[in-house]
Amino acid sequence: MDATTAVRLSLADADHDPLANRTDRALSVVKRGILTGRLRPGQQLIESEIAEMLGMSKTPVREALKTLVGSGLVSLSRYKGAVVRELDSDAAAAVYDLRVLLEPEAVRRTVTTGGDLGAASSALDRAVAAGEAGDEVGMSLANRDFHRSLYLGCGNPLLVATLDGLKDQTALVSVSGWRAAGGWRTEAGEHRAILDAALAGDGDRAAGAVREHITGFVARVLPRLGPTVDPSDQDGTAEPAAG
């Protein structure tokens, strides 16, 4: 996989937080690049290249990469240093298994307690528009917003935080997996079924639609992933490549 020079990173992609320090801004930019698929699984993340692109020293970039290692989006290779994590079939199955146990219940709670669904409807419209325009980045971000807006009102902050982390890791698969899963129209149709059930106030039906959506994606996509990565190449003891 090519190094980060194959993708231009910019502070314009950072979250608009005026109080964010350099480490937070570097973290925001690199994380967004991973979640949108601009930085692909297996892609090497070289501190000096990222720092030059963002106009900062290597220290905040190094700290940002360490944070991403802790969140499971970046792994440390003995030979390459920091790379975007490649989620093999075993790891992906574990992440999706936990998500399918938690997300349907979170959505059911949001619906049954009368949570606001306006953001979900807006996110679905944006995802469809992005799909029609061939905008994979926009579609990826809108789909994440759709799912999050449906479980955000579940009433349990710990459950929300857990699902946020799982969604980050599933992005390593879903960024490219929607093609194998039947394309963006298939995904949009399944999202529409979830939203229709939620708007009807039927929490059980919405939860069931979420469960079918996730398990269907897993059945179509996970068999296409590679076998388990050799742990001797990713032992977690390396340092991010300074470049």
Foldseek 3Di string as FASTA:
>chain_A
DEECVVAQWELVQADPDPPDDPLNSLLRGVLLCLLLCVAAAFHAYAQVVSCVSHVHDSVSNLVSLVVCCVLPQWFQFPPRGIGGHQQFLVNLVVLLVVCLVQQLLLLLLCLLVVHDQPQLVVLLVQLVVCQVVVNLSSNSVSVVSNSLSSNVRNPDVVSSVSNVSSSSNCSNFVSPLCVQLPGSVVVSVLSVQLSVCSVVSNSNSNSVSVSCSSVSSSVRGSVVGDHDDDCNGGVRPGGRHND
